[in-house]
Protein backbone atom coordinates (compact mmCIF):
# COMPACT_ATOMS: atom_id res chain seq x y z
CA UNK A 1 31.28 9.69 30.62
CA UNK A 2 28.00 8.05 29.58
CA UNK A 3 25.19 10.28 28.31
CA UNK A 4 21.55 9.62 29.18
CA UNK A 5 19.70 7.64 26.55
CA UNK A 6 17.00 9.77 24.88
CA UNK A 7 13.35 8.98 25.53
CA UNK A 8 12.04 7.22 22.42
CA UNK A 9 8.57 6.02 21.45
CA UNK A 10 8.98 5.06 17.78
CA UNK A 11 12.57 3.80 17.84
CA UNK A 12 14.28 1.06 19.86
CA UNK A 13 17.86 1.82 20.91
CA UNK A 14 20.33 -0.64 22.38
CA UNK A 15 24.07 -0.44 23.07
CA UNK A 16 26.10 -3.60 23.48
CA UNK A 17 29.77 -4.38 22.90
CA UNK A 18 30.37 -0.88 21.46
CA UNK A 19 27.62 -1.34 18.83
CA UNK A 20 24.53 0.89 18.98
CA UNK A 21 21.51 -0.74 17.34
CA UNK A 22 18.81 1.72 16.28
CA UNK A 23 15.61 0.03 15.10
CA UNK A 24 12.62 1.80 13.60
CA UNK A 25 9.75 0.44 15.66
CA UNK A 26 6.33 1.04 14.12
CA UNK A 27 5.94 -2.40 12.51
CA UNK A 28 2.14 -2.11 12.37
CA UNK A 29 2.64 0.83 9.98
CA UNK A 30 5.64 -0.67 8.17
CA UNK A 31 7.77 1.79 10.16
CA UNK A 32 6.31 4.82 8.35
CA UNK A 33 8.08 7.96 9.57
CA UNK A 34 5.66 10.07 11.58
CA UNK A 35 6.49 13.38 13.22
CA UNK A 36 7.78 11.73 16.39
CA UNK A 37 10.08 9.40 14.47
CA UNK A 38 11.63 12.27 12.48
CA UNK A 39 12.65 13.98 15.71
CA UNK A 40 13.66 10.77 17.45
CA UNK A 41 15.97 9.81 14.58
CA UNK A 42 17.89 13.03 15.16
CA UNK A 43 17.94 12.46 18.92
CA UNK A 44 19.13 8.87 18.58
CA UNK A 45 22.00 9.69 16.23
CA UNK A 46 23.01 12.74 18.24
CA UNK A 47 23.20 10.37 21.21
CA UNK A 48 25.37 7.89 19.29
CA UNK A 49 27.62 10.74 18.20
CA UNK A 50 28.07 11.98 21.76
CA UNK A 51 28.41 8.61 23.52
CA UNK A 52 32.03 7.43 23.67
CA UNK A 53 30.99 3.81 24.32
CA UNK A 54 29.19 3.70 20.94
CA UNK A 55 31.77 3.12 18.22
CA UNK A 56 29.50 2.08 15.35
CA UNK A 57 25.73 2.04 14.71
CA UNK A 58 23.35 -0.32 12.93
CA UNK A 59 20.07 1.07 11.60
CA UNK A 60 17.30 -1.46 10.97
CA UNK A 61 13.52 -1.76 10.93
CA UNK A 62 11.20 -3.98 13.00
CA UNK A 63 8.87 -6.37 11.22
CA UNK A 64 8.67 -7.34 7.55
CA UNK A 65 9.63 -3.95 6.14
CA UNK A 66 12.51 -1.61 6.80
CA UNK A 67 10.43 1.54 6.23
CA UNK A 68 7.53 2.57 4.01
CA UNK A 69 8.57 6.24 3.95
CA UNK A 70 6.84 9.29 5.36
CA UNK A 71 3.53 8.74 7.14
CA UNK A 72 1.17 10.47 4.70
CA UNK A 73 -1.13 11.59 7.52
CA UNK A 74 1.72 13.86 8.57
CA UNK A 75 1.39 15.88 5.35
CA UNK A 76 -2.07 17.05 6.35
CA UNK A 77 -0.74 18.04 9.77
CA UNK A 78 2.05 20.04 8.13
CA UNK A 79 -0.46 21.90 5.96
CA UNK A 80 -2.40 22.94 9.06
CA UNK A 81 0.77 23.87 10.96
CA UNK A 82 2.06 26.29 8.32
CA UNK A 83 -1.31 27.84 7.45
CA UNK A 84 -1.25 31.67 7.58
CA UNK A 85 -3.42 34.40 6.10
CA UNK A 86 -0.31 35.71 4.30
CA UNK A 87 0.73 33.15 1.63
CA UNK A 88 4.35 34.32 1.76
CA UNK A 89 4.59 33.65 5.50
CA UNK A 90 2.94 30.27 5.01
CA UNK A 91 5.52 29.31 2.37
CA UNK A 92 8.35 30.54 4.59
CA UNK A 93 7.06 28.37 7.42
CA UNK A 94 6.85 25.36 5.10
CA UNK A 95 10.43 25.91 3.99
CA UNK A 96 11.54 25.87 7.62
CA UNK A 97 9.66 22.60 8.19
CA UNK A 98 11.40 21.01 5.18
CA UNK A 99 14.81 22.22 6.35
CA UNK A 100 14.15 20.75 9.80
CA UNK A 101 13.16 17.37 8.32
CA UNK A 102 16.33 17.44 6.22
CA UNK A 103 18.34 18.07 9.38
CA UNK A 104 16.70 15.12 11.15
CA UNK A 105 18.13 12.80 8.50
CA UNK A 106 21.40 14.67 8.12
CA UNK A 107 22.04 13.78 11.78
CA UNK A 108 22.84 10.29 10.48
CA UNK A 109 25.51 11.70 8.18
CA UNK A 110 26.82 14.10 10.86
CA UNK A 111 27.22 11.28 13.35
CA UNK A 112 30.98 10.75 13.71
CA UNK A 113 30.54 6.98 14.04
CA UNK A 114 29.94 4.75 10.98
CA UNK A 115 26.27 3.88 10.40
CA UNK A 116 25.38 0.59 8.69
CA UNK A 117 21.82 0.19 7.33
CA UNK A 118 20.29 -3.32 7.38
CA UNK A 119 17.34 -3.26 4.95
CA UNK A 120 14.62 -5.86 4.46
CA UNK A 121 11.30 -5.59 2.66
CA UNK A 122 10.13 -2.13 1.62
CA UNK A 123 12.50 0.84 1.57
CA UNK A 124 10.33 3.50 -0.02
CA UNK A 125 10.31 7.26 -0.42
CA UNK A 126 11.64 8.89 2.73
CA UNK A 127 13.32 5.60 3.65
CA UNK A 128 15.60 5.99 0.63
CA UNK A 129 16.42 9.51 1.85
CA UNK A 130 17.31 7.92 5.20
CA UNK A 131 19.53 5.07 4.00
CA UNK A 132 21.46 7.28 1.58
CA UNK A 133 22.67 9.18 4.68
CA UNK A 134 24.27 5.99 6.02
CA UNK A 135 27.87 4.98 5.46
CA UNK A 136 27.01 1.53 4.09
CA UNK A 137 23.84 -0.30 3.13
CA UNK A 138 23.13 -4.04 3.24
CA UNK A 139 19.91 -5.71 2.14
CA UNK A 140 18.00 -8.91 1.68
CA UNK A 141 17.60 -10.11 -1.90
CA UNK A 142 13.86 -9.34 -1.82
CA UNK A 143 14.25 -5.80 -0.46
CA UNK A 144 12.45 -3.19 -2.57
CA UNK A 145 13.86 0.31 -3.05
CA UNK A 146 11.72 3.00 -4.64
CA UNK A 147 11.85 6.80 -4.92
CA UNK A 148 8.09 6.97 -4.56
CA UNK A 149 7.63 10.73 -4.13
CA UNK A 150 7.06 11.12 -7.87
CA UNK A 151 3.95 8.93 -7.56
CA UNK A 152 2.28 11.32 -5.10
CA UNK A 153 3.08 14.37 -7.21
CA UNK A 154 5.99 15.85 -5.29
CA UNK A 155 9.73 16.31 -5.66
CA UNK A 156 11.76 14.33 -3.13
CA UNK A 157 13.10 17.00 -0.79
CA UNK A 158 14.98 15.52 2.17
CA UNK A 159 18.12 14.12 0.54
CA UNK A 160 17.55 11.40 -2.05
CA UNK A 161 18.06 13.62 -5.10
CA UNK A 162 21.28 15.01 -3.61
CA UNK A 163 22.82 11.78 -2.24
CA UNK A 164 21.57 8.98 -4.50
CA UNK A 165 23.48 10.19 -7.61
CA UNK A 166 26.69 9.99 -5.56
CA UNK A 167 26.01 6.30 -4.85
CA UNK A 168 24.68 4.96 -8.17
CA UNK A 169 25.17 5.97 -11.83
CA UNK A 170 23.50 9.29 -12.59
CA UNK A 171 21.20 7.80 -15.21
CA UNK A 172 19.99 5.13 -12.81
CA UNK A 173 19.30 7.72 -10.11
CA UNK A 174 17.33 9.78 -12.61
CA UNK A 175 15.36 6.77 -13.79
CA UNK A 176 14.42 5.88 -10.22
CA UNK A 177 13.45 9.50 -9.47
CA UNK A 178 11.44 10.02 -12.66
CA UNK A 179 9.62 6.65 -12.79
CA UNK A 180 9.34 5.52 -9.16
CA UNK A 181 10.16 1.97 -10.27
CA UNK A 182 11.25 -0.62 -7.72
CA UNK A 183 14.81 -1.88 -7.47
CA UNK A 184 15.24 -5.17 -5.63
CA UNK A 185 18.18 -6.10 -3.44
CA UNK A 186 20.03 -7.96 -6.20
CA UNK A 187 19.83 -5.00 -8.60
CA UNK A 188 20.68 -2.63 -5.75
CA UNK A 189 23.98 -4.44 -5.33
CA UNK A 190 24.63 -4.40 -9.06
CA UNK A 191 24.23 -0.61 -9.23
CA UNK A 192 26.21 0.02 -6.05
CA UNK A 193 23.36 1.09 -3.79
CA UNK A 194 24.09 -1.72 -1.31
CA UNK A 195 27.35 -3.42 -0.38
CA UNK A 196 26.07 -6.96 0.06
CA UNK A 197 22.89 -8.99 -0.30
CA UNK A 198 21.71 -11.69 2.10
CA UNK A 199 19.11 -14.43 1.69
CA UNK A 200 17.12 -13.76 4.88
CA UNK A 201 16.60 -10.98 7.42
CA UNK A 202 18.33 -13.14 10.03
CA UNK A 203 21.40 -13.62 7.82
CA UNK A 204 21.32 -9.89 7.06
CA UNK A 205 21.53 -8.87 10.72
CA UNK A 206 24.16 -11.52 11.48
CA UNK A 207 26.29 -10.29 8.58
CA UNK A 208 25.93 -6.61 9.41
CA UNK A 209 26.69 -7.22 13.09
CA UNK A 210 29.86 -9.05 12.06
CA UNK A 211 30.99 -6.04 10.00
CA UNK A 212 30.08 -3.70 12.87
CA UNK A 213 32.20 -5.77 15.29
CA UNK A 214 35.19 -5.45 12.97
CA UNK A 215 34.76 -1.67 12.86
CA UNK A 216 34.29 -1.46 16.63
CA UNK A 217 37.64 -3.22 17.15
CA UNK A 218 39.55 -0.49 15.28
CA UNK A 219 40.91 2.77 16.69
CA UNK A 220 37.84 4.92 17.44
CA UNK A 221 39.79 8.09 16.69
CA UNK A 222 41.01 6.75 13.34
CA UNK A 223 37.50 5.60 12.40
CA UNK A 224 36.04 9.02 13.21
CA UNK A 225 38.80 10.70 11.22
CA UNK A 226 38.21 8.39 8.25
CA UNK A 227 34.50 9.24 8.17
CA UNK A 228 35.28 12.95 8.46
CA UNK A 229 37.72 12.76 5.54
CA UNK A 230 35.46 10.63 3.32
CA UNK A 231 32.51 12.98 3.79
CA UNK A 232 34.67 16.06 3.27
CA UNK A 233 36.34 14.59 0.20
CA UNK A 234 32.98 13.77 -1.35
CA UNK A 235 32.01 17.44 -1.28
CA UNK A 236 35.40 19.06 -2.06
CA UNK A 237 38.27 18.80 -4.51
CA UNK A 238 41.12 16.32 -4.10
CA UNK A 239 43.46 19.20 -3.28
CA UNK A 240 41.11 20.47 -0.58
CA UNK A 241 40.79 16.96 0.86
CA UNK A 242 44.56 16.45 0.97
CA UNK A 243 45.03 19.78 2.71
CA UNK A 244 42.36 18.94 5.29
CA UNK A 245 43.71 15.47 6.08
CA UNK A 246 47.19 16.91 6.54
CA UNK A 247 45.80 19.35 9.10
CA UNK A 248 43.73 16.62 10.77
CA UNK A 249 46.66 14.24 11.15
CA UNK A 250 48.98 16.99 12.32
CA UNK A 251 46.59 17.18 15.29
CA UNK A 252 45.38 13.56 15.64
CA UNK A 253 48.11 11.21 14.35
CA UNK A 254 50.30 11.05 17.46
CA UNK A 255 47.66 9.55 19.72
CA UNK A 256 47.18 7.01 22.49
CA UNK A 257 45.59 4.75 19.86
CA UNK A 258 48.79 4.78 17.78
CA UNK A 259 50.84 3.99 20.90
CA UNK A 260 48.50 1.09 21.72
CA UNK A 261 48.81 -0.26 18.16
CA UNK A 262 52.60 -0.25 18.35
CA UNK A 263 52.59 -1.87 21.80
CA UNK A 264 50.14 -4.57 20.68
CA UNK A 265 52.32 -5.43 17.69
CA UNK A 266 55.42 -5.69 19.84
CA UNK A 267 53.56 -7.94 22.29
CA UNK A 268 51.83 -9.93 19.51
CA UNK A 269 48.31 -9.34 20.84
CA UNK A 270 45.16 -7.63 19.57
CA UNK A 271 45.09 -3.90 20.37
CA UNK A 272 42.59 -2.67 22.97
CA UNK A 273 41.59 0.93 22.37
CA UNK A 274 39.84 3.13 24.90
CA UNK A 275 36.50 4.72 23.99
């Protein structure tokens, strides 16, 4: 059953051939994440998660830049929102705001479908928080990654410091966090932040769509299980992960998708899995 597409003002969302394309759409502001976009990111990825027809998602940005990070005007709004005559209550309110912003990005990671980030131009501050939630990252050679929070006098607080060290060497993550220096697409591939580098934004999207089509052709149940196991294994011991996958496959292994795979091999044709 299809689920109604959420109403979006800062994000473009399209579903075609089992691929959901989610594009940040504030190009006049280099796709800076304002309050509406934070909430719409969560809504869009919750929709992808709940929509059977969507088997894989591509996250990209309109215009020259992927995303310039948090819209700084939002910080002033937050300060006014949490203001209270009791400092303790004000700080508690601010903590709840931060936790909610974290959850908006964690929706990308929670989404059961693989999410591929296609990154061109600037990927700064909060944008790094965002792409580290994705399953894979692809970039143009001239893309620029920077953990810029340090340059405005704050500690990055919505995911970069927790996820980036799991993607790149610890010392590199610390250098980026402490200095705010830029890493281009070529270096990003060398350190493992991105999977592949492309010469142009057009080649980037063509390449990422090709990878997405390959994923969309696989068993949706097996893909969702693979993401579940990879995320669980990242945060638990090998023994815990083996125990969990045994339980998962005891429930999910004998499926219609497995039957279709066997039938397709017997009949020497590509398998066709239901959503």
